Amino acid sequence: MSKEAKKVIAQNKKARKEYFIEDTLEAGIALVGTEVKSIRAGKVNLKDSYAIIKDGEAFIEGMHISPYEQGNIFNKDPLRRRKLLLHKYEINKLVGYIQQKGMTLVPTEVYFKRGKVKVGLGVGKGKKIYDKRQDIAKKDAERQIEKRLKDNLRY
């Protein structure tokens, strides 16, 4: 099978910084036409968004989709709760994950796949302060190594 091409619109960099992402899942999202047009223009923000499961249905909250300029009366609230389109067994799997201590659902990216808007969901466990410090130190060390290798290649 060939890998499907996907056009990433927005990423939640804060999610990878704040959580250890254990598992990822792709979900569709129920949107209105003006929201899709706004997403195509790249006017979506996942920074403070999160996903919840309520009454056997999955929703995304806090995802900001800016109103479409030509949308007039058809524009919806930018921060409204949006339904995630998942199969029942996928929702049950997510419920099993989040019932574990400290696990949460975090949207990691929004992208187009075969013309449809998809949301990448990550099941993550919150990082402690010392975990974040370790990540920063690791990135800094990698940056130093790259710099030294680059300098050595010049001479």
N, C-alpha and C. Protein backbone atom coordinates (compact mmCIF):
# COMPACT_ATOMS: atom_id res chain seq x y z
N MET A 1 0.83 -1.18 0.00
CA MET A 1 0.00 0.00 0.00
C MET A 1 0.88 1.24 0.00
N SER A 2 0.47 2.24 -0.77
CA SER A 2 1.23 3.48 -0.81
C SER A 2 0.76 4.40 0.31
N LYS A 3 1.66 5.21 0.74
CA LYS A 3 1.36 6.16 1.81
C LYS A 3 0.48 7.28 1.26
N GLU A 4 -0.62 7.59 1.94
CA GLU A 4 -1.52 8.66 1.51
C GLU A 4 -0.86 10.00 1.71
N ALA A 5 -1.02 10.88 0.73
CA ALA A 5 -0.47 12.24 0.85
C ALA A 5 -1.40 13.06 1.74
N LYS A 6 -0.80 13.80 2.64
CA LYS A 6 -1.60 14.66 3.48
C LYS A 6 -0.98 16.05 3.51
N LYS A 7 -1.84 17.05 3.50
CA LYS A 7 -1.39 18.44 3.50
C LYS A 7 -1.66 18.99 4.90
N VAL A 8 -0.60 19.15 5.68
CA VAL A 8 -0.74 19.61 7.06
C VAL A 8 -1.06 21.10 7.06
N ILE A 9 -2.11 21.47 7.77
CA ILE A 9 -2.55 22.85 7.87
C ILE A 9 -2.04 23.49 9.16
N ALA A 10 -2.18 22.78 10.28
CA ALA A 10 -1.74 23.31 11.57
C ALA A 10 -1.24 22.18 12.45
N GLN A 11 -0.21 22.48 13.25
CA GLN A 11 0.31 21.51 14.20
C GLN A 11 0.24 22.10 15.61
N ASN A 12 0.09 21.22 16.56
CA ASN A 12 0.06 21.62 17.96
C ASN A 12 1.43 21.29 18.57
N LYS A 13 2.36 22.21 18.46
CA LYS A 13 3.71 21.97 18.97
C LYS A 13 3.71 21.88 20.49
N LYS A 14 2.77 22.57 21.10
CA LYS A 14 2.66 22.54 22.56
C LYS A 14 2.34 21.13 23.07
N ALA A 15 1.61 20.36 22.27
CA ALA A 15 1.22 19.00 22.69
C ALA A 15 2.45 18.12 22.88
N ARG A 16 3.39 18.16 21.94
CA ARG A 16 4.60 17.34 22.06
C ARG A 16 5.50 17.84 23.18
N LYS A 17 5.39 19.12 23.48
CA LYS A 17 6.21 19.71 24.54
C LYS A 17 5.65 19.37 25.93
N GLU A 18 4.33 19.34 26.04
CA GLU A 18 3.68 19.16 27.34
C GLU A 18 3.32 17.71 27.68
N TYR A 19 3.29 16.82 26.66
CA TYR A 19 2.84 15.46 26.88
C TYR A 19 3.77 14.44 26.23
N PHE A 20 3.85 13.26 26.83
CA PHE A 20 4.44 12.10 26.17
C PHE A 20 3.31 11.49 25.35
N ILE A 21 3.42 11.51 24.04
CA ILE A 21 2.37 10.98 23.18
C ILE A 21 2.57 9.47 23.05
N GLU A 22 1.63 8.69 23.61
CA GLU A 22 1.72 7.24 23.62
C GLU A 22 1.20 6.62 22.32
N ASP A 23 0.06 7.12 21.85
CA ASP A 23 -0.59 6.55 20.67
C ASP A 23 -1.24 7.68 19.88
N THR A 24 -1.37 7.50 18.57
CA THR A 24 -2.02 8.50 17.74
C THR A 24 -3.16 7.86 16.97
N LEU A 25 -4.11 8.69 16.60
CA LEU A 25 -5.30 8.22 15.91
C LEU A 25 -5.77 9.33 14.97
N GLU A 26 -6.32 8.95 13.83
CA GLU A 26 -6.85 9.92 12.87
C GLU A 26 -8.36 9.97 13.02
N ALA A 27 -8.91 11.19 13.06
CA ALA A 27 -10.36 11.35 13.19
C ALA A 27 -10.84 12.39 12.19
N GLY A 28 -12.04 12.17 11.69
CA GLY A 28 -12.69 13.19 10.88
C GLY A 28 -13.31 14.21 11.82
N ILE A 29 -13.76 15.33 11.28
CA ILE A 29 -14.35 16.37 12.11
C ILE A 29 -15.56 16.95 11.39
N ALA A 30 -16.64 17.16 12.13
CA ALA A 30 -17.86 17.71 11.56
C ALA A 30 -17.75 19.23 11.51
N LEU A 31 -17.74 19.79 10.31
CA LEU A 31 -17.58 21.23 10.11
C LEU A 31 -18.66 21.76 9.19
N VAL A 32 -18.84 23.07 9.19
CA VAL A 32 -19.70 23.72 8.21
C VAL A 32 -18.81 24.29 7.10
N GLY A 33 -19.41 24.66 5.98
CA GLY A 33 -18.67 25.08 4.80
C GLY A 33 -17.72 26.24 5.02
N THR A 34 -18.14 27.25 5.76
CA THR A 34 -17.27 28.41 5.97
C THR A 34 -16.06 28.05 6.82
N GLU A 35 -16.22 27.07 7.72
CA GLU A 35 -15.08 26.63 8.53
C GLU A 35 -14.05 25.92 7.67
N VAL A 36 -14.51 25.12 6.72
CA VAL A 36 -13.59 24.42 5.82
C VAL A 36 -12.82 25.43 4.98
N LYS A 37 -13.50 26.45 4.48
CA LYS A 37 -12.83 27.48 3.69
C LYS A 37 -11.79 28.22 4.52
N SER A 38 -12.10 28.48 5.77
CA SER A 38 -11.16 29.15 6.66
C SER A 38 -9.96 28.25 6.95
N ILE A 39 -10.18 26.95 7.11
CA ILE A 39 -9.09 26.01 7.34
C ILE A 39 -8.21 25.93 6.10
N ARG A 40 -8.82 25.93 4.91
CA ARG A 40 -8.03 25.93 3.67
C ARG A 40 -7.11 27.15 3.61
N ALA A 41 -7.55 28.26 4.17
CA ALA A 41 -6.75 29.48 4.21
C ALA A 41 -5.70 29.42 5.34
N GLY A 42 -5.72 28.36 6.14
CA GLY A 42 -4.74 28.18 7.21
C GLY A 42 -5.06 28.91 8.49
N LYS A 43 -6.31 29.31 8.68
CA LYS A 43 -6.70 30.09 9.86
C LYS A 43 -7.29 29.22 10.94
N VAL A 44 -6.46 28.34 11.46
CA VAL A 44 -6.88 27.43 12.52
C VAL A 44 -5.78 27.38 13.56
N ASN A 45 -6.16 27.30 14.85
CA ASN A 45 -5.20 27.28 15.94
C ASN A 45 -5.57 26.15 16.90
N LEU A 46 -4.60 25.27 17.17
CA LEU A 46 -4.82 24.13 18.07
C LEU A 46 -4.19 24.33 19.45
N LYS A 47 -3.63 25.48 19.70
CA LYS A 47 -2.78 25.68 20.87
C LYS A 47 -3.41 25.22 22.19
N ASP A 48 -4.60 25.66 22.50
CA ASP A 48 -5.22 25.32 23.78
C ASP A 48 -6.37 24.33 23.63
N SER A 49 -6.34 23.54 22.58
CA SER A 49 -7.45 22.62 22.34
C SER A 49 -7.22 21.27 23.01
N TYR A 50 -8.32 20.57 23.24
CA TYR A 50 -8.28 19.24 23.83
C TYR A 50 -9.51 18.48 23.37
N ALA A 51 -9.49 17.18 23.50
CA ALA A 51 -10.61 16.35 23.10
C ALA A 51 -11.23 15.69 24.33
N ILE A 52 -12.55 15.52 24.28
CA ILE A 52 -13.27 14.87 25.37
C ILE A 52 -14.19 13.80 24.78
N ILE A 53 -14.58 12.87 25.63
CA ILE A 53 -15.57 11.86 25.24
C ILE A 53 -16.74 12.01 26.20
N LYS A 54 -17.91 12.27 25.62
CA LYS A 54 -19.11 12.50 26.42
C LYS A 54 -20.27 11.73 25.80
N ASP A 55 -20.93 10.92 26.58
CA ASP A 55 -22.07 10.12 26.13
C ASP A 55 -21.75 9.27 24.91
N GLY A 56 -20.57 8.68 24.87
CA GLY A 56 -20.20 7.80 23.77
C GLY A 56 -19.83 8.52 22.48
N GLU A 57 -19.63 9.83 22.53
CA GLU A 57 -19.24 10.61 21.36
C GLU A 57 -17.99 11.42 21.70
N ALA A 58 -17.14 11.64 20.71
CA ALA A 58 -15.91 12.40 20.91
C ALA A 58 -16.10 13.82 20.38
N PHE A 59 -15.58 14.79 21.13
CA PHE A 59 -15.66 16.19 20.75
C PHE A 59 -14.30 16.85 20.92
N ILE A 60 -14.08 17.91 20.16
CA ILE A 60 -12.87 18.71 20.31
C ILE A 60 -13.30 20.09 20.81
N GLU A 61 -12.60 20.56 21.83
CA GLU A 61 -12.92 21.86 22.41
C GLU A 61 -11.70 22.76 22.36
N GLY A 62 -11.94 24.05 22.21
CA GLY A 62 -10.85 25.02 22.25
C GLY A 62 -10.11 25.19 20.94
N MET A 63 -10.54 24.50 19.89
CA MET A 63 -9.91 24.66 18.58
C MET A 63 -10.47 25.92 17.95
N HIS A 64 -9.61 26.88 17.65
CA HIS A 64 -10.05 28.17 17.13
C HIS A 64 -9.95 28.17 15.61
N ILE A 65 -11.09 28.28 14.95
CA ILE A 65 -11.14 28.45 13.50
C ILE A 65 -11.68 29.85 13.25
N SER A 66 -10.83 30.72 12.69
CA SER A 66 -11.22 32.11 12.46
C SER A 66 -12.40 32.18 11.51
N PRO A 67 -13.29 33.17 11.72
CA PRO A 67 -14.43 33.32 10.81
C PRO A 67 -13.97 33.62 9.38
N TYR A 68 -14.65 33.06 8.42
CA TYR A 68 -14.33 33.28 7.01
C TYR A 68 -14.78 34.69 6.62
N GLU A 69 -13.90 35.44 5.93
CA GLU A 69 -14.19 36.85 5.62
C GLU A 69 -15.47 37.02 4.80
N GLN A 70 -15.70 36.15 3.80
CA GLN A 70 -16.89 36.28 2.97
C GLN A 70 -18.05 35.44 3.50
N GLY A 71 -17.96 34.97 4.73
CA GLY A 71 -18.97 34.06 5.28
C GLY A 71 -20.23 34.71 5.77
N ASN A 72 -20.21 35.98 6.05
CA ASN A 72 -21.31 36.77 6.63
C ASN A 72 -22.15 35.99 7.63
N ILE A 73 -23.43 35.75 7.35
CA ILE A 73 -24.32 35.12 8.35
C ILE A 73 -24.06 33.64 8.55
N PHE A 74 -23.27 33.02 7.67
CA PHE A 74 -23.04 31.58 7.77
C PHE A 74 -21.91 31.23 8.72
N ASN A 75 -21.16 32.23 9.19
CA ASN A 75 -20.05 31.96 10.11
C ASN A 75 -20.58 31.47 11.45
N LYS A 76 -19.85 30.54 12.04
CA LYS A 76 -20.19 29.99 13.35
C LYS A 76 -19.22 30.54 14.38
N ASP A 77 -19.48 30.24 15.65
CA ASP A 77 -18.59 30.65 16.74
C ASP A 77 -17.22 30.01 16.54
N PRO A 78 -16.13 30.80 16.59
CA PRO A 78 -14.80 30.25 16.34
C PRO A 78 -14.36 29.19 17.34
N LEU A 79 -14.86 29.22 18.56
CA LEU A 79 -14.43 28.28 19.60
C LEU A 79 -15.49 27.23 19.94
N ARG A 80 -16.45 27.03 19.07
CA ARG A 80 -17.53 26.09 19.40
C ARG A 80 -17.02 24.65 19.50
N ARG A 81 -17.79 23.83 20.20
CA ARG A 81 -17.46 22.40 20.33
C ARG A 81 -17.78 21.72 19.02
N ARG A 82 -16.81 20.93 18.52
CA ARG A 82 -16.99 20.25 17.24
C ARG A 82 -16.91 18.74 17.45
N LYS A 83 -17.78 18.01 16.77
CA LYS A 83 -17.84 16.56 16.93
C LYS A 83 -16.74 15.90 16.10
N LEU A 84 -16.10 14.92 16.69
CA LEU A 84 -15.10 14.12 15.99
C LEU A 84 -15.78 12.87 15.46
N LEU A 85 -15.45 12.52 14.23
CA LEU A 85 -16.08 11.38 13.58
C LEU A 85 -15.20 10.15 13.74
N LEU A 86 -15.61 9.29 14.65
CA LEU A 86 -14.86 8.07 14.96
C LEU A 86 -15.82 6.88 15.01
N HIS A 87 -15.29 5.69 14.76
CA HIS A 87 -16.07 4.47 14.93
C HIS A 87 -16.22 4.17 16.42
N LYS A 88 -17.23 3.40 16.76
CA LYS A 88 -17.51 3.07 18.15
C LYS A 88 -16.34 2.35 18.82
N TYR A 89 -15.69 1.43 18.08
CA TYR A 89 -14.56 0.70 18.68
C TYR A 89 -13.37 1.65 18.92
N GLU A 90 -13.22 2.68 18.08
CA GLU A 90 -12.15 3.65 18.31
C GLU A 90 -12.42 4.48 19.56
N ILE A 91 -13.68 4.86 19.74
CA ILE A 91 -14.05 5.62 20.94
C ILE A 91 -13.85 4.76 22.18
N ASN A 92 -14.23 3.49 22.12
CA ASN A 92 -14.04 2.59 23.26
C ASN A 92 -12.55 2.42 23.58
N LYS A 93 -11.72 2.36 22.56
CA LYS A 93 -10.28 2.26 22.75
C LYS A 93 -9.76 3.51 23.46
N LEU A 94 -10.24 4.68 23.03
CA LEU A 94 -9.82 5.94 23.65
C LEU A 94 -10.30 6.04 25.10
N VAL A 95 -11.51 5.56 25.36
CA VAL A 95 -12.03 5.56 26.74
C VAL A 95 -11.13 4.70 27.62
N GLY A 96 -10.71 3.56 27.10
CA GLY A 96 -9.80 2.70 27.85
C GLY A 96 -8.49 3.39 28.17
N TYR A 97 -7.97 4.15 27.22
CA TYR A 97 -6.73 4.89 27.45
C TYR A 97 -6.90 5.98 28.51
N ILE A 98 -7.96 6.80 28.36
CA ILE A 98 -8.06 7.96 29.25
C ILE A 98 -8.54 7.61 30.65
N GLN A 99 -9.02 6.38 30.84
CA GLN A 99 -9.37 5.97 32.20
C GLN A 99 -8.12 5.65 33.01
N GLN A 100 -7.00 5.45 32.32
CA GLN A 100 -5.74 5.25 33.02
C GLN A 100 -5.33 6.59 33.65
N LYS A 101 -4.59 6.52 34.72
CA LYS A 101 -4.23 7.72 35.46
C LYS A 101 -3.34 8.64 34.64
N GLY A 102 -3.75 9.90 34.54
CA GLY A 102 -2.93 10.92 33.91
C GLY A 102 -2.96 10.97 32.40
N MET A 103 -3.80 10.16 31.75
CA MET A 103 -3.86 10.15 30.29
C MET A 103 -4.92 11.14 29.81
N THR A 104 -4.63 11.78 28.67
CA THR A 104 -5.57 12.74 28.10
C THR A 104 -5.51 12.70 26.58
N LEU A 105 -6.55 13.23 25.95
CA LEU A 105 -6.61 13.29 24.48
C LEU A 105 -6.21 14.68 24.03
N VAL A 106 -5.21 14.75 23.15
CA VAL A 106 -4.71 16.03 22.69
C VAL A 106 -4.66 16.03 21.16
N PRO A 107 -5.27 17.03 20.52
CA PRO A 107 -5.14 17.14 19.06
C PRO A 107 -3.71 17.55 18.71
N THR A 108 -3.07 16.83 17.80
CA THR A 108 -1.68 17.12 17.45
C THR A 108 -1.55 17.87 16.13
N GLU A 109 -2.49 17.64 15.19
CA GLU A 109 -2.42 18.33 13.91
C GLU A 109 -3.76 18.31 13.20
N VAL A 110 -3.93 19.27 12.28
CA VAL A 110 -5.09 19.32 11.40
C VAL A 110 -4.54 19.27 9.99
N TYR A 111 -5.12 18.39 9.16
CA TYR A 111 -4.61 18.25 7.81
C TYR A 111 -5.73 17.82 6.86
N PHE A 112 -5.44 17.97 5.56
CA PHE A 112 -6.34 17.49 4.52
C PHE A 112 -5.83 16.17 4.00
N LYS A 113 -6.73 15.21 3.87
CA LYS A 113 -6.39 13.91 3.31
C LYS A 113 -7.51 13.53 2.35
N ARG A 114 -7.19 13.40 1.08
CA ARG A 114 -8.18 13.14 0.03
C ARG A 114 -9.33 14.14 0.06
N GLY A 115 -9.01 15.41 0.30
CA GLY A 115 -10.02 16.48 0.28
C GLY A 115 -10.84 16.61 1.55
N LYS A 116 -10.59 15.78 2.54
CA LYS A 116 -11.35 15.83 3.79
C LYS A 116 -10.46 16.38 4.91
N VAL A 117 -11.06 17.13 5.82
CA VAL A 117 -10.32 17.65 6.96
C VAL A 117 -10.21 16.55 8.00
N LYS A 118 -8.99 16.29 8.45
CA LYS A 118 -8.74 15.26 9.47
C LYS A 118 -8.01 15.90 10.64
N VAL A 119 -8.19 15.31 11.80
CA VAL A 119 -7.51 15.74 13.01
C VAL A 119 -6.71 14.57 13.54
N GLY A 120 -5.43 14.81 13.80
CA GLY A 120 -4.60 13.79 14.42
C GLY A 120 -4.74 13.91 15.93
N LEU A 121 -5.20 12.85 16.58
CA LEU A 121 -5.37 12.84 18.03
C LEU A 121 -4.24 12.05 18.66
N GLY A 122 -3.69 12.57 19.72
CA GLY A 122 -2.66 11.85 20.45
C GLY A 122 -3.15 11.54 21.85
N VAL A 123 -2.87 10.35 22.32
CA VAL A 123 -3.17 9.98 23.70
C VAL A 123 -1.88 10.21 24.47
N GLY A 124 -1.92 11.17 25.39
CA GLY A 124 -0.68 11.54 26.04
C GLY A 124 -0.77 11.56 27.55
N LYS A 125 0.41 11.50 28.14
CA LYS A 125 0.54 11.60 29.59
C LYS A 125 1.35 12.85 29.85
N GLY A 126 0.89 13.68 30.77
CA GLY A 126 1.53 14.96 31.06
C GLY A 126 2.97 14.81 31.53
N LYS A 127 3.82 15.69 31.03
CA LYS A 127 5.23 15.69 31.43
C LYS A 127 5.40 16.49 32.72
N LYS A 128 6.35 16.07 33.51
CA LYS A 128 6.72 16.83 34.69
C LYS A 128 7.78 17.86 34.29
N ILE A 129 8.09 18.77 35.17
CA ILE A 129 9.06 19.83 34.86
C ILE A 129 10.42 19.24 34.52
N TYR A 130 10.87 18.22 35.26
CA TYR A 130 12.20 17.66 34.99
C TYR A 130 12.24 16.94 33.64
N ASP A 131 11.09 16.40 33.19
CA ASP A 131 11.04 15.78 31.86
C ASP A 131 11.25 16.84 30.78
N LYS A 132 10.62 17.99 30.97
CA LYS A 132 10.77 19.08 30.00
C LYS A 132 12.21 19.56 29.96
N ARG A 133 12.84 19.64 31.12
CA ARG A 133 14.25 20.07 31.17
C ARG A 133 15.14 19.08 30.43
N GLN A 134 14.86 17.79 30.57
CA GLN A 134 15.64 16.77 29.87
C GLN A 134 15.48 16.92 28.36
N ASP A 135 14.25 17.20 27.90
CA ASP A 135 14.02 17.40 26.46
C ASP A 135 14.79 18.61 25.94
N ILE A 136 14.78 19.69 26.70
CA ILE A 136 15.50 20.90 26.29
C ILE A 136 17.00 20.62 26.24
N ALA A 137 17.53 19.93 27.23
CA ALA A 137 18.96 19.60 27.25
C ALA A 137 19.33 18.69 26.08
N LYS A 138 18.47 17.74 25.75
CA LYS A 138 18.72 16.83 24.63
C LYS A 138 18.74 17.59 23.31
N LYS A 139 17.78 18.48 23.10
CA LYS A 139 17.74 19.28 21.88
C LYS A 139 18.96 20.18 21.78
N ASP A 140 19.37 20.76 22.90
CA ASP A 140 20.53 21.64 22.92
C ASP A 140 21.80 20.86 22.55
N ALA A 141 21.94 19.65 23.09
CA ALA A 141 23.10 18.81 22.78
C ALA A 141 23.11 18.44 21.29
N GLU A 142 21.95 18.10 20.75
CA GLU A 142 21.87 17.76 19.32
C GLU A 142 22.24 18.97 18.46
N ARG A 143 21.80 20.14 18.87
CA ARG A 143 22.11 21.37 18.13
C ARG A 143 23.61 21.64 18.14
N GLN A 144 24.25 21.42 19.30
CA GLN A 144 25.69 21.61 19.42
C GLN A 144 26.45 20.64 18.51
N ILE A 145 26.02 19.38 18.48
CA ILE A 145 26.67 18.37 17.64
C ILE A 145 26.54 18.75 16.16
N GLU A 146 25.35 19.16 15.76
CA GLU A 146 25.13 19.57 14.36
C GLU A 146 26.03 20.75 14.00
N LYS A 147 26.15 21.70 14.91
CA LYS A 147 26.98 22.88 14.66
C LYS A 147 28.45 22.48 14.50
N ARG A 148 28.92 21.60 15.36
CA ARG A 148 30.32 21.16 15.28
C ARG A 148 30.58 20.39 13.99
N LEU A 149 29.65 19.50 13.62
CA LEU A 149 29.80 18.75 12.38
C LEU A 149 29.80 19.68 11.17
N LYS A 150 28.96 20.67 11.20
CA LYS A 150 28.89 21.63 10.11
C LYS A 150 30.20 22.42 10.01
N ASP A 151 30.74 22.84 11.17
CA ASP A 151 32.01 23.57 11.17
C ASP A 151 33.16 22.70 10.67
N ASN A 152 33.17 21.41 11.04
CA ASN A 152 34.22 20.51 10.60
C ASN A 152 34.17 20.26 9.09
N LEU A 153 32.96 20.25 8.54
CA LEU A 153 32.82 20.02 7.10
C LEU A 153 33.30 21.21 6.27
N ARG A 154 33.28 22.40 6.87
CA ARG A 154 33.71 23.59 6.15
C ARG A 154 35.20 23.60 5.90
N TYR A 155 35.97 23.02 6.82
CA TYR A 155 37.44 23.09 6.70
C TYR A 155 38.03 21.82 6.20
